[in-house]
Amino acid sequence: MKLYFSNECLGEIGDINVEGSWINGRIIFNKNTKKFMNFFEAIVDEENEFVEGNFCEEWLDDSNWYILGEENRKKEIYIPAVYLDGDIYWRWR
């Protein structure tokens, strides 16, 4: 499986588990992920308030996020929770 924003692959996901409506795994980041790291960090930071105005509107639009799964099938997701250590959590739309 691969995480995509729009038409941009952000990494390969493995070690997938299902916990209720949440799916989690480990992502191996690629070079495209670099520009998203501050965004991902802000989303999962429970100590500070997330400020939408600090990020591109396109990044905040769930319709731009998806997982490319088996047989290159596109599965839409909500904005994923991606941790800098490579943990990733998402829900299907």
PDB file of N, CA and C in Angstrom:
ATOM      1  N   MET A   1       0.837  -1.171   0.000  1.00  0.00           N
ATOM      2  CA  MET A   1       0.000   0.000   0.000  1.00  0.00           C
ATOM      3  C   MET A   1       0.883   1.236   0.000  1.00  0.00           C
ATOM      4  N   LYS A   2       0.344   2.302  -0.594  1.00  0.00           N
ATOM      5  CA  LYS A   2       1.078   3.564  -0.657  1.00  0.00           C
ATOM      6  C   LYS A   2       0.147   4.715  -0.281  1.00  0.00           C
ATOM      7  N   LEU A   3       0.704   5.690   0.444  1.00  0.00           N
ATOM      8  CA  LEU A   3      -0.040   6.893   0.804  1.00  0.00           C
ATOM      9  C   LEU A   3       0.132   7.926  -0.295  1.00  0.00           C
ATOM     10  N   TYR A   4      -0.996   8.516  -0.701  1.00  0.00           N
ATOM     11  CA  TYR A   4      -0.973   9.552  -1.728  1.00  0.00           C
ATOM     12  C   TYR A   4      -1.671  10.809  -1.245  1.00  0.00           C
ATOM     13  N   PHE A   5      -1.096  11.943  -1.650  1.00  0.00           N
ATOM     14  CA  PHE A   5      -1.768  13.232  -1.590  1.00  0.00           C
ATOM     15  C   PHE A   5      -1.893  13.672  -3.036  1.00  0.00           C
ATOM     16  N   SER A   6      -3.119  13.874  -3.498  1.00  0.00           N
ATOM     17  CA  SER A   6      -3.383  14.213  -4.897  1.00  0.00           C
ATOM     18  C   SER A   6      -2.725  13.141  -5.771  1.00  0.00           C
ATOM     19  N   ASN A   7      -1.790  13.517  -6.621  1.00  0.00           N
ATOM     20  CA  ASN A   7      -1.108  12.528  -7.464  1.00  0.00           C
ATOM     21  C   ASN A   7       0.315  12.255  -6.995  1.00  0.00           C
ATOM     22  N   GLU A   8       0.614  12.628  -5.759  1.00  0.00           N
ATOM     23  CA  GLU A   8       1.961  12.543  -5.227  1.00  0.00           C
ATOM     24  C   GLU A   8       2.079  11.418  -4.192  1.00  0.00           C
ATOM     25  N   CYS A   9       2.912  10.449  -4.479  1.00  0.00           N
ATOM     26  CA  CYS A   9       3.150   9.350  -3.537  1.00  0.00           C
ATOM     27  C   CYS A   9       4.052   9.853  -2.412  1.00  0.00           C
ATOM     28  N   LEU A  10       3.616   9.591  -1.155  1.00  0.00           N
ATOM     29  CA  LEU A  10       4.379  10.057  -0.001  1.00  0.00           C
ATOM     30  C   LEU A  10       5.104   8.939   0.734  1.00  0.00           C
ATOM     31  N   GLY A  11       4.844   7.699   0.347  1.00  0.00           N
ATOM     32  CA  GLY A  11       5.560   6.606   0.984  1.00  0.00           C
ATOM     33  C   GLY A  11       4.816   5.289   0.905  1.00  0.00           C
ATOM     34  N   GLU A  12       5.534   4.244   1.260  1.00  0.00           N
ATOM     35  CA  GLU A  12       5.009   2.877   1.245  1.00  0.00           C
ATOM     36  C   GLU A  12       4.610   2.475   2.659  1.00  0.00           C
ATOM     37  N   ILE A  13       3.433   1.863   2.793  1.00  0.00           N
ATOM     38  CA  ILE A  13       2.902   1.478   4.102  1.00  0.00           C
ATOM     39  C   ILE A  13       2.940  -0.043   4.247  1.00  0.00           C
ATOM     40  N   GLY A  14       3.436  -0.495   5.393  1.00  0.00           N
ATOM     41  CA  GLY A  14       3.476  -1.919   5.707  1.00  0.00           C
ATOM     42  C   GLY A  14       3.066  -2.159   7.150  1.00  0.00           C
ATOM     43  N   ASP A  15       3.158  -3.399   7.603  1.00  0.00           N
ATOM     44  CA  ASP A  15       2.799  -3.780   8.984  1.00  0.00           C
ATOM     45  C   ASP A  15       1.413  -3.261   9.361  1.00  0.00           C
ATOM     46  N   ILE A  16       0.441  -3.534   8.536  1.00  0.00           N
ATOM     47  CA  ILE A  16      -0.906  -2.980   8.697  1.00  0.00           C
ATOM     48  C   ILE A  16      -1.731  -3.771   9.710  1.00  0.00           C
ATOM     49  N   ASN A  17      -2.428  -3.033  10.565  1.00  0.00           N
ATOM     50  CA  ASN A  17      -3.328  -3.589  11.581  1.00  0.00           C
ATOM     51  C   ASN A  17      -4.640  -2.824  11.546  1.00  0.00           C
ATOM     52  N   VAL A  18      -5.713  -3.483  11.975  1.00  0.00           N
ATOM     53  CA  VAL A  18      -7.023  -2.844  12.049  1.00  0.00           C
ATOM     54  C   VAL A  18      -7.472  -2.819  13.500  1.00  0.00           C
ATOM     55  N   GLU A  19      -7.893  -1.632  13.961  1.00  0.00           N
ATOM     56  CA  GLU A  19      -8.411  -1.450  15.319  1.00  0.00           C
ATOM     57  C   GLU A  19      -9.731  -0.695  15.210  1.00  0.00           C
ATOM     58  N   GLY A  20     -10.828  -1.422  15.154  1.00  0.00           N
ATOM     59  CA  GLY A  20     -12.128  -0.783  14.973  1.00  0.00           C
ATOM     60  C   GLY A  20     -12.203  -0.126  13.613  1.00  0.00           C
ATOM     61  N   SER A  21     -12.518   1.181  13.598  1.00  0.00           N
ATOM     62  CA  SER A  21     -12.609   1.892  12.324  1.00  0.00           C
ATOM     63  C   SER A  21     -11.264   2.486  11.888  1.00  0.00           C
ATOM     64  N   TRP A  22     -10.234   2.333  12.720  1.00  0.00           N
ATOM     65  CA  TRP A  22      -8.909   2.844  12.404  1.00  0.00           C
ATOM     66  C   TRP A  22      -8.013   1.746  11.849  1.00  0.00           C
ATOM     67  N   ILE A  23      -7.216   2.114  10.870  1.00  0.00           N
ATOM     68  CA  ILE A  23      -6.191   1.230  10.322  1.00  0.00           C
ATOM     69  C   ILE A  23      -4.858   1.886  10.651  1.00  0.00           C
ATOM     70  N   ASN A  24      -3.872   1.098  11.032  1.00  0.00           N
ATOM     71  CA  ASN A  24      -2.558   1.672  11.305  1.00  0.00           C
ATOM     72  C   ASN A  24      -1.482   0.812  10.685  1.00  0.00           C
ATOM     73  N   GLY A  25      -0.322   1.400  10.575  1.00  0.00           N
ATOM     74  CA  GLY A  25       0.813   0.704  10.010  1.00  0.00           C
ATOM     75  C   GLY A  25       2.070   1.523  10.172  1.00  0.00           C
ATOM     76  N   ARG A  26       3.056   1.167   9.385  1.00  0.00           N
ATOM     77  CA  ARG A  26       4.331   1.878   9.379  1.00  0.00           C
ATOM     78  C   ARG A  26       4.567   2.374   7.961  1.00  0.00           C
ATOM     79  N   ILE A  27       4.931   3.649   7.859  1.00  0.00           N
ATOM     80  CA  ILE A  27       5.192   4.224   6.544  1.00  0.00           C
ATOM     81  C   ILE A  27       6.689   4.450   6.368  1.00  0.00           C
ATOM     82  N   ILE A  28       7.158   4.119   5.197  1.00  0.00           N
ATOM     83  CA  ILE A  28       8.531   4.436   4.816  1.00  0.00           C
ATOM     84  C   ILE A  28       8.428   5.680   3.943  1.00  0.00           C
ATOM     85  N   PHE A  29       8.884   6.793   4.493  1.00  0.00           N
ATOM     86  CA  PHE A  29       8.787   8.074   3.802  1.00  0.00           C
ATOM     87  C   PHE A  29       9.669   8.091   2.553  1.00  0.00           C
ATOM     88  N   ASN A  30       9.250   8.884   1.580  1.00  0.00           N
ATOM     89  CA  ASN A  30      10.102   9.117   0.415  1.00  0.00           C
ATOM     90  C   ASN A  30      10.408  10.610   0.323  1.00  0.00           C
ATOM     91  N   LYS A  31      11.091  11.024  -0.716  1.00  0.00           N
ATOM     92  CA  LYS A  31      11.520  12.429  -0.843  1.00  0.00           C
ATOM     93  C   LYS A  31      10.338  13.393  -0.918  1.00  0.00           C
ATOM     94  N   ASN A  32       9.180  12.932  -1.378  1.00  0.00           N
ATOM     95  CA  ASN A  32       8.013  13.802  -1.495  1.00  0.00           C
ATOM     96  C   ASN A  32       7.408  14.172  -0.143  1.00  0.00           C
ATOM     97  N   THR A  33       7.737  13.406   0.871  1.00  0.00           N
ATOM     98  CA  THR A  33       7.140  13.597   2.198  1.00  0.00           C
ATOM     99  C   THR A  33       7.705  14.818   2.914  1.00  0.00           C
ATOM    100  N   LYS A  34       8.895  15.227   2.574  1.00  0.00           N
ATOM    101  CA  LYS A  34       9.599  16.282   3.308  1.00  0.00           C
ATOM    102  C   LYS A  34       8.743  17.537   3.507  1.00  0.00           C
ATOM    103  N   LYS A  35       8.081  18.006   2.466  1.00  0.00           N
ATOM    104  CA  LYS A  35       7.314  19.254   2.588  1.00  0.00           C
ATOM    105  C   LYS A  35       6.075  19.103   3.473  1.00  0.00           C
ATOM    106  N   PHE A  36       5.660  17.878   3.766  1.00  0.00           N
ATOM    107  CA  PHE A  36       4.477  17.627   4.594  1.00  0.00           C
ATOM    108  C   PHE A  36       4.808  17.402   6.064  1.00  0.00           C
ATOM    109  N   MET A  37       6.064  17.308   6.429  1.00  0.00           N
ATOM    110  CA  MET A  37       6.432  16.907   7.785  1.00  0.00           C
ATOM    111  C   MET A  37       5.907  17.862   8.861  1.00  0.00           C
ATOM    112  N   ASN A  38       5.980  19.165   8.644  1.00  0.00           N
ATOM    113  CA  ASN A  38       5.443  20.112   9.633  1.00  0.00           C
ATOM    114  C   ASN A  38       3.933  19.964   9.755  1.00  0.00           C
ATOM    115  N   PHE A  39       3.271  19.708   8.654  1.00  0.00           N
ATOM    116  CA  PHE A  39       1.824  19.483   8.651  1.00  0.00           C
ATOM    117  C   PHE A  39       1.476  18.236   9.464  1.00  0.00           C
ATOM    118  N   PHE A  40       2.150  17.139   9.179  1.00  0.00           N
ATOM    119  CA  PHE A  40       1.908  15.894   9.908  1.00  0.00           C
ATOM    120  C   PHE A  40       2.183  16.073  11.404  1.00  0.00           C
ATOM    121  N   GLU A  41       3.278  16.747  11.721  1.00  0.00           N
ATOM    122  CA  GLU A  41       3.622  16.966  13.125  1.00  0.00           C
ATOM    123  C   GLU A  41       2.541  17.796  13.830  1.00  0.00           C
ATOM    124  N   ALA A  42       2.031  18.819  13.167  1.00  0.00           N
ATOM    125  CA  ALA A  42       0.991  19.668  13.761  1.00  0.00           C
ATOM    126  C   ALA A  42      -0.311  18.900  13.984  1.00  0.00           C
ATOM    127  N   ILE A  43      -0.641  18.005  13.073  1.00  0.00           N
ATOM    128  CA  ILE A  43      -1.882  17.234  13.204  1.00  0.00           C
ATOM    129  C   ILE A  43      -1.860  16.347  14.451  1.00  0.00           C
ATOM    130  N   VAL A  44      -0.744  15.739  14.742  1.00  0.00           N
ATOM    131  CA  VAL A  44      -0.683  14.779  15.846  1.00  0.00           C
ATOM    132  C   VAL A  44      -0.216  15.395  17.168  1.00  0.00           C
ATOM    133  N   ASP A  45       0.140  16.671  17.167  1.00  0.00           N
ATOM    134  CA  ASP A  45       0.625  17.338  18.374  1.00  0.00           C
ATOM    135  C   ASP A  45      -0.542  17.681  19.289  1.00  0.00           C
ATOM    136  N   GLU A  46      -0.698  16.914  20.347  1.00  0.00           N
ATOM    137  CA  GLU A  46      -1.803  17.120  21.284  1.00  0.00           C
ATOM    138  C   GLU A  46      -1.526  18.247  22.271  1.00  0.00           C
ATOM    139  N   GLU A  47      -0.307  18.726  22.334  1.00  0.00           N
ATOM    140  CA  GLU A  47       0.071  19.796  23.259  1.00  0.00           C
ATOM    141  C   GLU A  47      -0.293  21.180  22.723  1.00  0.00           C
ATOM    142  N   ASN A  48      -0.404  21.317  21.410  1.00  0.00           N
ATOM    143  CA  ASN A  48      -0.660  22.614  20.796  1.00  0.00           C
ATOM    144  C   ASN A  48      -1.891  22.561  19.903  1.00  0.00           C
ATOM    145  N   GLU A  49      -2.542  23.702  19.781  1.00  0.00           N
ATOM    146  CA  GLU A  49      -3.735  23.801  18.944  1.00  0.00           C
ATOM    147  C   GLU A  49      -3.343  23.799  17.466  1.00  0.00           C
ATOM    148  N   PHE A  50      -4.068  23.038  16.672  1.00  0.00           N
ATOM    149  CA  PHE A  50      -3.821  22.990  15.229  1.00  0.00           C
ATOM    150  C   PHE A  50      -4.407  24.251  14.595  1.00  0.00           C
ATOM    151  N   VAL A  51      -3.594  24.977  13.831  1.00  0.00           N
ATOM    152  CA  VAL A  51      -4.022  26.216  13.183  1.00  0.00           C
ATOM    153  C   VAL A  51      -4.111  25.965  11.683  1.00  0.00           C
ATOM    154  N   GLU A  52      -5.349  25.846  11.186  1.00  0.00           N
ATOM    155  CA  GLU A  52      -5.551  25.533   9.768  1.00  0.00           C
ATOM    156  C   GLU A  52      -4.893  26.550   8.843  1.00  0.00           C
ATOM    157  N   GLY A  53      -4.907  27.814   9.232  1.00  0.00           N
ATOM    158  CA  GLY A  53      -4.353  28.874   8.392  1.00  0.00           C
ATOM    159  C   GLY A  53      -2.865  28.755   8.132  1.00  0.00           C
ATOM    160  N   ASN A  54      -2.177  27.895   8.866  1.00  0.00           N
ATOM    161  CA  ASN A  54      -0.737  27.707   8.668  1.00  0.00           C
ATOM    162  C   ASN A  54      -0.410  26.757   7.519  1.00  0.00           C
ATOM    163  N   PHE A  55      -1.440  26.155   6.923  1.00  0.00           N
ATOM    164  CA  PHE A  55      -1.195  25.121   5.915  1.00  0.00           C
ATOM    165  C   PHE A  55      -2.053  25.340   4.674  1.00  0.00           C
ATOM    166  N   CYS A  56      -1.634  24.751   3.567  1.00  0.00           N
ATOM    167  CA  CYS A  56      -2.344  24.854   2.288  1.00  0.00           C
ATOM    168  C   CYS A  56      -3.762  24.297   2.422  1.00  0.00           C
ATOM    169  N   GLU A  57      -4.698  24.988   1.832  1.00  0.00           N
ATOM    170  CA  GLU A  57      -6.089  24.517   1.851  1.00  0.00           C
ATOM    171  C   GLU A  57      -6.223  23.130   1.249  1.00  0.00           C
ATOM    172  N   GLU A  58      -5.439  22.843   0.218  1.00  0.00           N
ATOM    173  CA  GLU A  58      -5.509  21.541  -0.442  1.00  0.00           C
ATOM    174  C   GLU A  58      -5.136  20.410   0.517  1.00  0.00           C
ATOM    175  N   TRP A  59      -4.196  20.685   1.421  1.00  0.00           N
ATOM    176  CA  TRP A  59      -3.769  19.658   2.372  1.00  0.00           C
ATOM    177  C   TRP A  59      -4.885  19.333   3.355  1.00  0.00           C
ATOM    178  N   LEU A  60      -5.762  20.303   3.625  1.00  0.00           N
ATOM    179  CA  LEU A  60      -6.851  20.137   4.587  1.00  0.00           C
ATOM    180  C   LEU A  60      -8.097  19.519   3.973  1.00  0.00           C
ATOM    181  N   ASP A  61      -8.077  19.289   2.684  1.00  0.00           N
ATOM    182  CA  ASP A  61      -9.219  18.731   1.954  1.00  0.00           C
ATOM    183  C   ASP A  61      -9.094  17.205   1.896  1.00  0.00           C
ATOM    184  N   ASP A  62      -9.991  16.526   2.616  1.00  0.00           N
ATOM    185  CA  ASP A  62      -9.952  15.063   2.654  1.00  0.00           C
ATOM    186  C   ASP A  62      -9.962  14.427   1.267  1.00  0.00           C
ATOM    187  N   SER A  63     -10.596  15.068   0.309  1.00  0.00           N
ATOM    188  CA  SER A  63     -10.724  14.465  -1.020  1.00  0.00           C
ATOM    189  C   SER A  63      -9.381  14.328  -1.742  1.00  0.00           C
ATOM    190  N   ASN A  64      -8.333  14.947  -1.218  1.00  0.00           N
ATOM    191  CA  ASN A  64      -7.002  14.849  -1.830  1.00  0.00           C
ATOM    192  C   ASN A  64      -6.154  13.710  -1.284  1.00  0.00           C
ATOM    193  N   TRP A  65      -6.665  12.979  -0.280  1.00  0.00           N
ATOM    194  CA  TRP A  65      -5.891  11.925   0.380  1.00  0.00           C
ATOM    195  C   TRP A  65      -6.452  10.549   0.046  1.00  0.00           C
ATOM    196  N   TYR A  66      -5.562   9.626  -0.273  1.00  0.00           N
ATOM    197  CA  TYR A  66      -5.995   8.249  -0.542  1.00  0.00           C
ATOM    198  C   TYR A  66      -4.848   7.265  -0.393  1.00  0.00           C
ATOM    199  N   ILE A  67      -5.233   6.015  -0.335  1.00  0.00           N
ATOM    200  CA  ILE A  67      -4.282   4.902  -0.280  1.00  0.00           C
ATOM    201  C   ILE A  67      -4.400   4.152  -1.599  1.00  0.00           C
ATOM    202  N   LEU A  68      -3.268   3.840  -2.190  1.00  0.00           N
ATOM    203  CA  LEU A  68      -3.248   2.999  -3.376  1.00  0.00           C
ATOM    204  C   LEU A  68      -2.947   1.595  -2.885  1.00  0.00           C
ATOM    205  N   GLY A  69      -3.923   0.721  -3.028  1.00  0.00           N
ATOM    206  CA  GLY A  69      -3.805  -0.629  -2.486  1.00  0.00           C
ATOM    207  C   GLY A  69      -3.489  -1.660  -3.545  1.00  0.00           C
ATOM    208  N   GLU A  70      -3.930  -2.870  -3.248  1.00  0.00           N
ATOM    209  CA  GLU A  70      -3.698  -3.987  -4.164  1.00  0.00           C
ATOM    210  C   GLU A  70      -4.267  -3.677  -5.537  1.00  0.00           C
ATOM    211  N   GLU A  71      -3.572  -4.156  -6.539  1.00  0.00           N
ATOM    212  CA  GLU A  71      -3.972  -3.968  -7.929  1.00  0.00           C
ATOM    213  C   GLU A  71      -4.171  -2.495  -8.261  1.00  0.00           C
ATOM    214  N   ASN A  72      -3.415  -1.625  -7.580  1.00  0.00           N
ATOM    215  CA  ASN A  72      -3.469  -0.176  -7.791  1.00  0.00           C
ATOM    216  C   ASN A  72      -4.875   0.403  -7.648  1.00  0.00           C
ATOM    217  N   ARG A  73      -5.632  -0.155  -6.715  1.00  0.00           N
ATOM    218  CA  ARG A  73      -6.967   0.371  -6.435  1.00  0.00           C
ATOM    219  C   ARG A  73      -6.867   1.559  -5.490  1.00  0.00           C
ATOM    220  N   LYS A  74      -7.509   2.648  -5.869  1.00  0.00           N
ATOM    221  CA  LYS A  74      -7.517   3.872  -5.079  1.00  0.00           C
ATOM    222  C   LYS A  74      -8.620   3.783  -4.029  1.00  0.00           C
ATOM    223  N   LYS A  75      -8.242   3.938  -2.733  1.00  0.00           N
ATOM    224  CA  LYS A  75      -9.207   3.922  -1.636  1.00  0.00           C
ATOM    225  C   LYS A  75      -9.101   5.246  -0.893  1.00  0.00           C
ATOM    226  N   GLU A  76     -10.191   5.995  -0.890  1.00  0.00           N
ATOM    227  CA  GLU A  76     -10.189   7.314  -0.264  1.00  0.00           C
ATOM    228  C   GLU A  76     -10.122   7.213   1.254  1.00  0.00           C
ATOM    229  N   ILE A  77      -9.365   8.139   1.852  1.00  0.00           N
ATOM    230  CA  ILE A  77      -9.209   8.189   3.306  1.00  0.00           C
ATOM    231  C   ILE A  77      -9.422   9.625   3.791  1.00  0.00           C
ATOM    232  N   TYR A  78      -9.641   9.749   5.106  1.00  0.00           N
ATOM    233  CA  TYR A  78      -9.589  11.064   5.739  1.00  0.00           C
ATOM    234  C   TYR A  78      -8.117  11.417   5.915  1.00  0.00           C
ATOM    235  N   ILE A  79      -7.820  12.681   6.192  1.00  0.00           N
ATOM    236  CA  ILE A  79      -6.434  13.092   6.405  1.00  0.00           C
ATOM    237  C   ILE A  79      -5.802  12.151   7.426  1.00  0.00           C
ATOM    238  N   PRO A  80      -4.678  11.542   7.079  1.00  0.00           N
ATOM    239  CA  PRO A  80      -4.073  10.562   7.991  1.00  0.00           C
ATOM    240  C   PRO A  80      -3.316  11.225   9.139  1.00  0.00           C
ATOM    241  N   ALA A  81      -3.198  10.489  10.237  1.00  0.00           N
ATOM    242  CA  ALA A  81      -2.335  10.897  11.344  1.00  0.00           C
ATOM    243  C   ALA A  81      -0.996  10.214  11.111  1.00  0.00           C
ATOM    244  N   VAL A  82      -0.003  11.006  10.759  1.00  0.00           N
ATOM    245  CA  VAL A  82       1.323  10.473  10.440  1.00  0.00           C
ATOM    246  C   VAL A  82       2.308  11.013  11.468  1.00  0.00           C
ATOM    247  N   TYR A  83       2.988  10.093  12.146  1.00  0.00           N
ATOM    248  CA  TYR A  83       3.971  10.464  13.158  1.00  0.00           C
ATOM    249  C   TYR A  83       5.362  10.431  12.549  1.00  0.00           C
ATOM    250  N   LEU A  84       6.233  11.282  13.052  1.00  0.00           N
ATOM    251  CA  LEU A  84       7.576  11.392  12.494  1.00  0.00           C
ATOM    252  C   LEU A  84       8.396  10.115  12.640  1.00  0.00           C
ATOM    253  N   ASP A  85       7.987   9.237  13.569  1.00  0.00           N
ATOM    254  CA  ASP A  85       8.708   7.962  13.727  1.00  0.00           C
ATOM    255  C   ASP A  85       8.242   6.909  12.717  1.00  0.00           C
ATOM    256  N   GLY A  86       7.256   7.269  11.875  1.00  0.00           N
ATOM    257  CA  GLY A  86       6.796   6.357  10.832  1.00  0.00           C
ATOM    258  C   GLY A  86       5.475   5.672  11.113  1.00  0.00           C
ATOM    259  N   ASP A  87       4.902   5.870  12.293  1.00  0.00           N
ATOM    260  CA  ASP A  87       3.562   5.322  12.545  1.00  0.00           C
ATOM    261  C   ASP A  87       2.546   6.121  11.749  1.00  0.00           C
ATOM    262  N   ILE A  88       1.542   5.436  11.216  1.00  0.00           N
ATOM    263  CA  ILE A  88       0.489   6.092  10.454  1.00  0.00           C
ATOM    264  C   ILE A  88      -0.857   5.475  10.832  1.00  0.00           C
ATOM    265  N   TYR A  89      -1.853   6.328  10.966  1.00  0.00           N
ATOM    266  CA  TYR A  89      -3.214   5.920  11.283  1.00  0.00           C
ATOM    267  C   TYR A  89      -4.153   6.605  10.300  1.00  0.00           C
ATOM    268  N   TRP A  90      -5.167   5.871   9.820  1.00  0.00           N
ATOM    269  CA  TRP A  90      -6.155   6.467   8.927  1.00  0.00           C
ATOM    270  C   TRP A  90      -7.481   5.755   9.033  1.00  0.00           C
ATOM    271  N   ARG A  91      -8.502   6.410   8.479  1.00  0.00           N
ATOM    272  CA  ARG A  91      -9.836   5.821   8.371  1.00  0.00           C
ATOM    273  C   ARG A  91     -10.293   5.966   6.918  1.00  0.00           C
ATOM    274  N   TRP A  92     -11.014   4.957   6.450  1.00  0.00           N
ATOM    275  CA  TRP A  92     -11.560   4.981   5.093  1.00  0.00           C
ATOM    276  C   TRP A  92     -12.724   5.978   5.028  1.00  0.00           C
ATOM    277  N   ARG A  93     -12.901   6.585   3.875  1.00  0.00           N
ATOM    278  CA  ARG A  93     -14.053   7.474   3.655  1.00  0.00           C
ATOM    279  C   ARG A  93     -15.127   6.703   2.935  1.00  0.00           C
TER     280      ARG A  93
END
